[in-house]
Amino acid sequence: MKSENPVSLADLLSADALQLLTASGSKLIKSIGLDVIRNVVIDVLTGRNIRNSTEILTRRRITALNLATLHLFLRGSETVEGFVERLPFIASELLGTERLKKEERWLAQWILGLTDKGVQNVLRDDYQLLAGYRDGYIRACQEIIDQHRRDYGELSGSIRVGDESPMPLDWPFMVYFLNTIGSQTLTIRGSDKSTYGKLFEKLVLGSLLHVLGFAFQDSAALQDTDRVFWLSSNDDERESDATLLFEAGRGVRFDIGFIGRGNTEISLDKVSRYRREIQLGRENWFMATLIIVDRIGERSRIQELARKMDGTIVQMSAGYWPQRVARTLHQVLGYEHPLMTMPQEQIEDFIKAHMQDAPLQAFIDFTLDS
């Protein structure tokens, strides 16, 4: 029978740790800082791997949460009798609670060695199976603990933070703690990958078009149709990631994806459904298609397929790929820009200079609202 007031794991975390745990959207942006985001975008525009740039952000978050979880174990051990041994029961009780907040759900899942995907695959989203899983989890941990005791002897000692009382350190503490941060790391990595991917796709694309001299506008309140662009919302699967209007009757649709070399055909499948013409007011506009991807695998057919649909593909892994975009726009629109013929050794400084006044906050606000 579930208790009406199960122990709150979130209450054992500091306010800063809770904010870091649940950070998404505007809170995540605030915690990162606009200058850091600008530098990540510059990295991508100059051919560096976005995953290298965002890995530092993810690693900082994981490390801070790992240490906050250690503090949770210590505070719990200080305030709850037999806390470590009770943890699997506390966690399963919480997971049986209706309308559980995300931070409590995540913490409870991690303590049982689970993630959201684990709940889907292992429990098949059936919390009636939770008690059986919990008991099996406890048995498995205890078997490992017993084996280590036989092989290595007892683990003993104490650990303390600041002026707090020292807490005993033993095999059960280490097993449950390490399992918890292992699941925590998987969850945060998956969460950050999704968040950063969606965010930086629009930021990189908007920044690229800003550097190339186009003005950002809201498509819902379009006032000009000469050398402007807008970023697209996510409510239409046929919507491109950005639409550029060059001059009367001509423009370009952009699709961007931070996807691996084995999945670039996904982008082509999406853009193959784009309409070749759009109507703005009473005028029809011919729209070329430009696809931007991380990189293309050696055996990929995407280049050949793109040519058949009159589209162009640019790889972000190529050094100074914005120059290739500028040259492509010249081919399809007659567009002129200094970047087209600029020596490569000057391109990075050019991009850095023009990124200083890029409307990143406007791109962020649009992305988070869409």
Protein backbone atom coordinates (compact mmCIF):
# COMPACT_ATOMS: atom_id res chain seq x y z
CA MET A 1 0.00 0.00 0.00
CA LYS A 2 1.50 3.35 -1.02
CA SER A 3 2.07 6.03 1.56
CA GLU A 4 0.20 9.27 0.98
CA ASN A 5 3.37 11.25 1.67
CA PRO A 6 6.40 9.37 0.35
CA VAL A 7 9.87 10.78 1.04
CA SER A 8 10.70 13.56 -1.42
CA LEU A 9 14.04 13.03 -3.12
CA ALA A 10 13.93 16.48 -4.71
CA ASP A 11 13.83 18.05 -1.24
CA LEU A 12 17.29 16.59 -0.62
CA LEU A 13 18.73 18.65 -3.49
CA SER A 14 19.71 22.31 -3.33
CA ALA A 15 17.71 24.90 -5.26
CA ASP A 16 20.62 25.35 -7.70
CA ALA A 17 20.83 21.60 -8.33
CA LEU A 18 17.08 21.37 -8.91
CA GLN A 19 17.23 24.23 -11.40
CA LEU A 20 20.10 22.53 -13.22
CA LEU A 21 18.22 19.23 -13.20
CA THR A 22 15.07 20.63 -14.77
CA ALA A 23 16.73 23.28 -16.95
CA SER A 24 15.30 23.46 -20.43
CA GLY A 25 14.35 26.18 -22.85
CA SER A 26 14.94 29.68 -21.51
CA LYS A 27 16.34 28.43 -18.18
CA LEU A 28 18.93 26.33 -19.96
CA ILE A 29 19.89 29.27 -22.19
CA LYS A 30 20.25 31.51 -19.15
CA SER A 31 22.46 28.99 -17.39
CA ILE A 32 24.70 28.66 -20.47
CA GLY A 33 24.98 32.38 -21.25
CA LEU A 34 24.62 34.18 -24.57
CA ASP A 35 28.38 34.64 -25.06
CA VAL A 36 28.97 30.89 -24.77
CA ILE A 37 26.16 30.22 -27.25
CA ARG A 38 27.64 32.76 -29.67
CA ASN A 39 31.01 31.00 -29.50
CA VAL A 40 29.40 27.61 -30.19
CA VAL A 41 27.66 29.04 -33.27
CA ILE A 42 30.95 30.55 -34.48
CA ASP A 43 32.60 27.16 -34.02
CA VAL A 44 29.99 25.50 -36.24
CA LEU A 45 30.16 28.26 -38.88
CA THR A 46 33.91 27.75 -39.12
CA GLY A 47 33.67 24.00 -39.65
CA ARG A 48 34.12 22.68 -36.12
CA ASN A 49 32.01 19.78 -34.87
CA ILE A 50 29.04 21.03 -32.84
CA ARG A 51 29.20 17.94 -30.66
CA ASN A 52 32.71 18.90 -29.57
CA SER A 53 31.43 22.33 -28.59
CA THR A 54 28.27 21.20 -26.80
CA GLU A 55 30.07 18.28 -25.12
CA ILE A 56 31.68 20.73 -22.71
CA LEU A 57 28.27 22.17 -21.84
CA THR A 58 26.83 18.70 -21.26
CA ARG A 59 29.84 17.54 -19.27
CA ARG A 60 29.57 20.58 -16.98
CA ARG A 61 25.91 19.83 -16.32
CA ILE A 62 26.53 16.12 -15.72
CA THR A 63 29.44 16.77 -13.36
CA ALA A 64 27.48 19.30 -11.34
CA LEU A 65 24.49 16.93 -11.08
CA ASN A 66 26.71 13.96 -10.17
CA LEU A 67 28.10 15.95 -7.25
CA ALA A 68 24.61 17.17 -6.28
CA THR A 69 23.47 13.54 -6.22
CA LEU A 70 26.32 12.67 -3.88
CA HIS A 71 25.07 15.43 -1.61
CA LEU A 72 21.55 13.95 -1.88
CA PHE A 73 22.87 10.59 -0.64
CA LEU A 74 24.69 12.27 2.25
CA ARG A 75 21.74 14.43 3.31
CA GLY A 76 19.41 11.44 3.03
CA SER A 77 21.72 9.30 5.14
CA GLU A 78 21.80 12.04 7.77
CA THR A 79 18.03 12.62 7.93
CA VAL A 80 16.43 9.24 7.13
CA GLU A 81 17.19 6.09 9.13
CA GLY A 82 18.62 3.33 6.91
CA PHE A 83 18.37 5.67 3.92
CA VAL A 84 20.56 3.77 1.44
CA GLU A 85 18.86 0.41 2.13
CA ARG A 86 15.45 2.08 1.86
CA LEU A 87 16.25 3.95 -1.35
CA PRO A 88 14.83 1.38 -3.82
CA PHE A 89 11.57 1.31 -1.83
CA ILE A 90 11.43 5.11 -1.60
CA ALA A 91 11.99 5.32 -5.36
CA SER A 92 9.36 2.72 -6.30
CA GLU A 93 6.86 4.37 -3.95
CA LEU A 94 7.44 7.73 -5.61
CA LEU A 95 7.05 6.25 -9.09
CA GLY A 96 3.66 4.92 -8.05
CA THR A 97 2.52 8.44 -7.18
CA GLU A 98 0.17 10.20 -9.61
CA ARG A 99 1.18 13.48 -11.25
CA LEU A 100 4.78 13.15 -10.17
CA LYS A 101 6.98 16.12 -11.10
CA LYS A 102 9.73 15.44 -13.61
CA GLU A 103 12.55 16.00 -11.14
CA GLU A 104 11.09 13.47 -8.69
CA ARG A 105 10.41 10.98 -11.48
CA TRP A 106 13.91 11.23 -12.86
CA LEU A 107 15.56 10.91 -9.44
CA ALA A 108 13.41 7.89 -8.54
CA GLN A 109 14.12 6.20 -11.87
CA TRP A 110 17.87 6.78 -11.59
CA ILE A 111 17.98 5.25 -8.11
CA LEU A 112 16.47 2.09 -9.60
CA GLY A 113 18.96 2.15 -12.49
CA LEU A 114 16.30 3.29 -14.95
CA THR A 115 15.77 6.06 -17.48
CA ASP A 116 12.59 7.09 -19.29
CA LYS A 117 13.53 4.70 -22.08
CA GLY A 118 14.22 1.97 -19.53
CA VAL A 119 10.73 2.39 -18.12
CA GLN A 120 9.34 2.05 -21.64
CA ASN A 121 11.43 -0.99 -22.57
CA VAL A 122 11.90 -2.82 -19.28
CA LEU A 123 8.58 -2.08 -17.61
CA ARG A 124 6.67 -1.43 -20.83
CA ASP A 125 5.25 1.65 -19.09
CA ASP A 126 3.39 -0.66 -16.68
CA TYR A 127 4.05 0.44 -13.11
CA GLN A 128 2.28 -2.67 -11.86
CA LEU A 129 5.57 -4.40 -12.74
CA LEU A 130 7.62 -1.98 -10.67
CA ALA A 131 7.65 -3.95 -7.41
CA GLY A 132 8.94 -7.06 -9.15
CA TYR A 133 11.61 -5.08 -10.97
CA ARG A 134 12.64 -3.36 -7.73
CA ASP A 135 13.03 -6.65 -5.86
CA GLY A 136 15.08 -8.11 -8.71
CA TYR A 137 17.24 -4.98 -8.79
CA ILE A 138 17.91 -5.22 -5.05
CA ARG A 139 18.84 -8.92 -5.37
CA ALA A 140 21.23 -8.21 -8.24
CA CYS A 141 22.93 -5.40 -6.32
CA GLN A 142 23.20 -7.53 -3.20
CA GLU A 143 24.76 -10.42 -5.13
CA ILE A 144 27.44 -8.09 -6.49
CA ILE A 145 28.04 -6.61 -3.03
CA ASP A 146 28.38 -10.08 -1.49
CA GLN A 147 30.81 -11.11 -4.24
CA HIS A 148 32.98 -8.04 -3.64
CA ARG A 149 32.98 -8.65 0.08
CA ARG A 150 34.29 -12.16 -0.53
CA ASP A 151 36.86 -11.02 -3.06
CA TYR A 152 38.07 -7.77 -1.50
CA GLY A 153 36.67 -7.57 2.02
CA GLU A 154 34.58 -4.80 3.52
CA LEU A 155 34.59 -1.27 2.20
CA SER A 156 34.73 1.09 5.13
CA GLY A 157 35.33 4.73 5.77
CA SER A 158 33.41 7.97 5.96
CA ILE A 159 32.68 10.97 3.76
CA ARG A 160 31.66 14.48 4.64
CA VAL A 161 30.99 17.81 2.94
CA GLY A 162 32.00 21.03 4.64
CA ASP A 163 30.94 21.18 8.27
CA GLU A 164 28.31 18.46 7.96
CA SER A 165 28.56 15.27 9.97
CA PRO A 166 30.60 12.47 8.33
CA MET A 167 28.53 9.68 6.81
CA PRO A 168 29.66 6.02 6.66
CA LEU A 169 30.89 4.79 3.30
CA ASP A 170 30.31 1.11 2.45
CA TRP A 171 29.57 -1.20 -0.49
CA PRO A 172 25.78 -0.57 -0.59
CA PHE A 173 26.35 3.21 -0.59
CA MET A 174 28.78 2.95 -3.51
CA VAL A 175 26.67 0.51 -5.54
CA TYR A 176 23.45 2.53 -5.33
CA PHE A 177 25.25 5.83 -5.81
CA LEU A 178 27.21 4.68 -8.88
CA ASN A 179 24.12 3.08 -10.45
CA THR A 180 22.20 6.30 -9.86
CA ILE A 181 24.73 8.59 -11.52
CA GLY A 182 25.12 6.10 -14.38
CA SER A 183 21.43 6.38 -15.22
CA GLN A 184 21.55 10.11 -14.56
CA THR A 185 24.34 10.54 -17.10
CA LEU A 186 22.41 8.64 -19.77
CA THR A 187 19.31 10.76 -19.19
CA ILE A 188 21.11 14.10 -19.23
CA ARG A 189 23.06 13.18 -22.36
CA GLY A 190 19.86 12.21 -24.17
CA SER A 191 18.06 15.32 -22.96
CA ASP A 192 20.90 17.67 -23.93
CA LYS A 193 21.35 16.07 -27.33
CA SER A 194 17.71 16.72 -28.19
CA THR A 195 17.68 20.22 -26.68
CA TYR A 196 20.94 21.40 -28.21
CA GLY A 197 20.14 19.87 -31.58
CA LYS A 198 16.82 21.70 -31.94
CA LEU A 199 18.19 24.93 -30.52
CA PHE A 200 21.46 25.18 -32.43
CA GLU A 201 20.01 24.12 -35.78
CA LYS A 202 17.95 27.32 -35.85
CA LEU A 203 20.69 29.42 -34.24
CA VAL A 204 23.30 28.31 -36.77
CA LEU A 205 20.97 28.76 -39.72
CA GLY A 206 19.75 32.18 -38.58
CA SER A 207 23.31 33.31 -37.84
CA LEU A 208 24.55 32.08 -41.23
CA LEU A 209 21.91 34.09 -43.08
CA HIS A 210 22.63 37.13 -40.91
CA VAL A 211 26.37 36.89 -41.71
CA LEU A 212 25.46 36.63 -45.40
CA GLY A 213 23.61 39.96 -45.18
CA PHE A 214 19.96 38.95 -44.94
CA ALA A 215 17.57 40.50 -42.40
CA PHE A 216 15.58 38.39 -39.94
CA GLN A 217 11.83 38.98 -40.00
CA ASP A 218 8.74 37.41 -38.51
CA SER A 219 6.86 35.61 -41.28
CA ALA A 220 3.56 36.42 -39.56
CA ALA A 221 4.27 40.15 -39.87
CA LEU A 222 6.29 40.24 -43.07
CA GLN A 223 6.92 43.84 -44.11
CA ASP A 224 9.62 43.40 -46.74
CA THR A 225 10.37 40.77 -49.36
CA ASP A 226 13.84 41.88 -50.41
CA ARG A 227 16.83 40.04 -48.88
CA VAL A 228 14.98 38.85 -45.79
CA PHE A 229 14.49 35.48 -44.13
CA TRP A 230 12.43 33.86 -41.45
CA LEU A 231 12.88 30.75 -39.35
CA SER A 232 10.10 28.22 -39.50
CA SER A 233 7.97 26.79 -36.76
CA ASN A 234 7.67 23.07 -36.12
CA ASP A 235 3.93 22.73 -36.68
CA ASP A 236 4.12 21.67 -40.32
CA GLU A 237 6.16 18.65 -41.40
CA ARG A 238 6.58 20.19 -44.84
CA GLU A 239 7.87 23.46 -43.46
CA SER A 240 11.50 24.21 -44.20
CA ASP A 241 13.81 25.28 -41.38
CA ALA A 242 14.26 28.72 -42.95
CA THR A 243 12.90 30.61 -45.93
CA LEU A 244 14.94 33.28 -47.69
CA LEU A 245 13.46 35.88 -50.05
CA PHE A 246 16.05 37.43 -52.36
CA GLU A 247 14.06 39.59 -54.72
CA ALA A 248 10.63 39.56 -56.32
CA GLY A 249 9.72 36.00 -57.28
CA ARG A 250 12.90 34.22 -56.14
CA GLY A 251 14.01 32.68 -52.90
CA VAL A 252 15.52 29.63 -51.21
CA ARG A 253 14.26 27.10 -48.72
CA PHE A 254 16.79 25.74 -46.23
CA ASP A 255 16.84 22.50 -44.31
CA ILE A 256 19.49 21.89 -41.66
CA GLY A 257 20.23 18.82 -39.61
CA PHE A 258 22.90 17.80 -37.12
CA ILE A 259 22.56 14.18 -38.14
CA GLY A 260 25.12 11.46 -38.70
CA ARG A 261 26.52 10.36 -42.02
CA GLY A 262 24.22 7.33 -42.08
CA ASN A 263 21.02 9.37 -41.77
CA THR A 264 21.38 12.18 -44.28
CA GLU A 265 18.77 10.55 -46.53
CA ILE A 266 16.23 11.55 -43.88
CA SER A 267 16.73 15.20 -44.79
CA LEU A 268 16.33 14.48 -48.47
CA ASP A 269 13.10 12.59 -47.85
CA LYS A 270 11.76 15.61 -46.01
CA VAL A 271 12.79 18.27 -48.52
CA SER A 272 11.62 16.20 -51.48
CA ARG A 273 8.11 17.13 -50.36
CA TYR A 274 8.75 20.88 -50.48
CA ARG A 275 6.71 22.83 -52.98
CA ARG A 276 8.79 24.41 -55.75
CA GLU A 277 6.67 27.55 -55.53
CA ILE A 278 5.05 29.46 -52.69
CA GLN A 279 2.58 32.30 -52.79
CA LEU A 280 3.17 35.54 -50.92
CA GLY A 281 0.33 37.94 -51.31
CA ARG A 282 -0.62 37.81 -54.98
CA GLU A 283 2.79 36.76 -56.20
CA ASN A 284 4.23 33.30 -56.84
CA TRP A 285 7.82 32.74 -55.75
CA PHE A 286 10.17 30.15 -57.22
CA MET A 287 12.00 28.46 -54.36
CA ALA A 288 15.35 26.70 -54.71
CA THR A 289 16.33 24.13 -52.06
CA LEU A 290 19.54 24.04 -50.01
CA ILE A 291 20.19 21.22 -47.55
CA ILE A 292 22.83 21.60 -44.83
CA VAL A 293 24.02 18.48 -42.99
CA ASP A 294 26.88 17.46 -40.71
CA ARG A 295 28.53 15.18 -43.21
CA ILE A 296 27.72 12.68 -45.92
CA GLY A 297 28.76 9.05 -45.85
CA GLU A 298 30.96 7.66 -48.62
CA ARG A 299 28.22 5.41 -49.98
CA SER A 300 25.38 7.88 -49.57
CA ARG A 301 23.19 8.53 -52.62
CA ILE A 302 22.01 11.87 -51.29
CA GLN A 303 24.15 14.00 -53.62
CA GLU A 304 22.81 12.24 -56.71
CA LEU A 305 19.23 12.34 -55.46
CA ALA A 306 19.52 16.01 -54.56
CA ARG A 307 20.64 16.89 -58.09
CA LYS A 308 17.57 15.15 -59.51
CA MET A 309 15.33 17.42 -57.45
CA ASP A 310 17.41 20.54 -58.24
CA GLY A 311 18.62 20.81 -54.68
CA THR A 312 22.10 21.48 -53.31
CA ILE A 313 23.73 19.87 -50.27
CA VAL A 314 26.42 21.50 -48.15
CA GLN A 315 28.38 19.67 -45.46
CA MET A 316 29.14 21.54 -42.23
CA SER A 317 32.20 19.36 -41.72
CA ALA A 318 33.84 21.10 -44.66
CA GLY A 319 36.07 23.99 -43.59
CA TYR A 320 34.42 27.40 -44.06
CA TRP A 321 31.26 25.88 -45.47
CA PRO A 322 29.43 29.27 -45.37
CA GLN A 323 31.54 30.22 -48.38
CA ARG A 324 30.04 27.26 -50.25
CA VAL A 325 26.57 28.49 -49.28
CA ALA A 326 27.38 31.98 -50.56
CA ARG A 327 28.57 30.53 -53.89
CA THR A 328 25.47 28.37 -54.16
CA LEU A 329 23.23 31.41 -53.62
CA HIS A 330 25.17 33.16 -56.38
CA GLN A 331 24.49 30.25 -58.74
CA VAL A 332 20.75 30.04 -58.07
CA LEU A 333 19.93 33.70 -57.37
CA GLY A 334 22.73 35.80 -58.80
CA TYR A 335 23.52 36.87 -55.24
CA GLU A 336 26.80 38.71 -54.62
CA HIS A 337 28.67 38.71 -51.31
CA PRO A 338 32.33 39.29 -50.25
CA LEU A 339 32.44 35.80 -48.73
CA MET A 340 32.23 34.23 -52.21
CA THR A 341 35.80 35.11 -53.15
CA MET A 342 37.32 35.80 -49.77
CA PRO A 343 40.64 34.01 -49.01
CA GLN A 344 40.00 31.27 -46.50
CA GLU A 345 42.45 32.67 -43.97
CA GLN A 346 40.21 35.76 -43.67
CA ILE A 347 36.87 33.98 -43.32
CA GLU A 348 36.97 33.18 -39.61
CA ASP A 349 37.67 36.79 -38.63
CA PHE A 350 34.90 37.95 -40.98
CA ILE A 351 32.40 35.56 -39.40
CA LYS A 352 33.44 36.51 -35.85
CA ALA A 353 33.03 40.21 -36.61
CA HIS A 354 29.56 39.82 -38.12
CA MET A 355 28.43 37.48 -35.34
CA GLN A 356 28.81 40.25 -32.78
CA ASP A 357 25.53 41.86 -33.84
CA ALA A 358 23.68 38.67 -34.81
CA PRO A 359 20.20 38.76 -33.19
CA LEU A 360 20.76 35.54 -31.25
CA GLN A 361 18.20 36.41 -28.58
CA ALA A 362 15.54 36.88 -31.27
CA PHE A 363 16.44 33.48 -32.77
CA ILE A 364 16.31 31.90 -29.31
CA ASP A 365 12.96 33.47 -28.45
CA PHE A 366 11.50 32.27 -31.74
CA THR A 367 12.88 28.74 -31.33
CA LEU A 368 11.62 28.36 -27.78
CA ASP A 369 8.18 29.72 -28.66
CA SER A 370 7.70 27.58 -31.79
